[in-house]
Amino acid sequence: MAALALVTWVPTYLVNVKKYPLFAMGFVASTPWIGAVLGNVLGGLISDRLLGGRRKPMMLLTAASTIVTMYGLIYSPADPWLLALLFTATGILLNLGYSTFLVYPMGLTTKEKTPLAAAIVNTGGSLGGAFAPFVVGVVLDWASWDAVFLFLASTSLLTLLVVLTMREPLAAASDQTIKA
């Protein structure tokens, strides 16, 4: 949810709250996506090579760091370069484990059931993506940008709590699942 809220609302935030001119807004608004590319690559390497294919640690890191970065945006600096650095870090941290949410079911199910499991997870993610811009707009109608960032931090906390309850697939069980 936080990722899509960033892509849809950050330009408005930068122009209306930070009073950035168009060029500075475009530059700063693009930095979370530079971080996203770096975060996805790093997250995959860490998950596959350092954690032996475990997905849950990266999911936990992403959820926890998103809480911190969304809260940090409440106190974001006015300087475009510092804010760009914060947004880049946000993009990296948000995406370290972003893709692991989609591939997580592959370790829990058989090869035949993997498409259904992936579809269920993807549908949930798509619903969050569809509702995120709307919910942020509603929060802005009733409150402020601080409330938006607190809302996004709260949804990330909820994600963290859900991920904490999930079990990781056992090595023996993963022998029966897809090998990439």
Foldseek 3Di string as FASTA:
>chain_A
DVVLLLLPCQLVCCCPPLVDPPVLSVLLSCLLVVLQVVQQVQLVCCCVPVVVNWQLVLLLQLLVVLLVLLLVVVVQDSDSVRSSVSSSVNSNRNNSRPCSQLCQCQQVDAAVCNVVSSVVSVVVVVVCSVCLNVVLVVCVVVHNSSVNSNVSSVVSVVSNVVSVPDDHRDPVSSVRGDDD
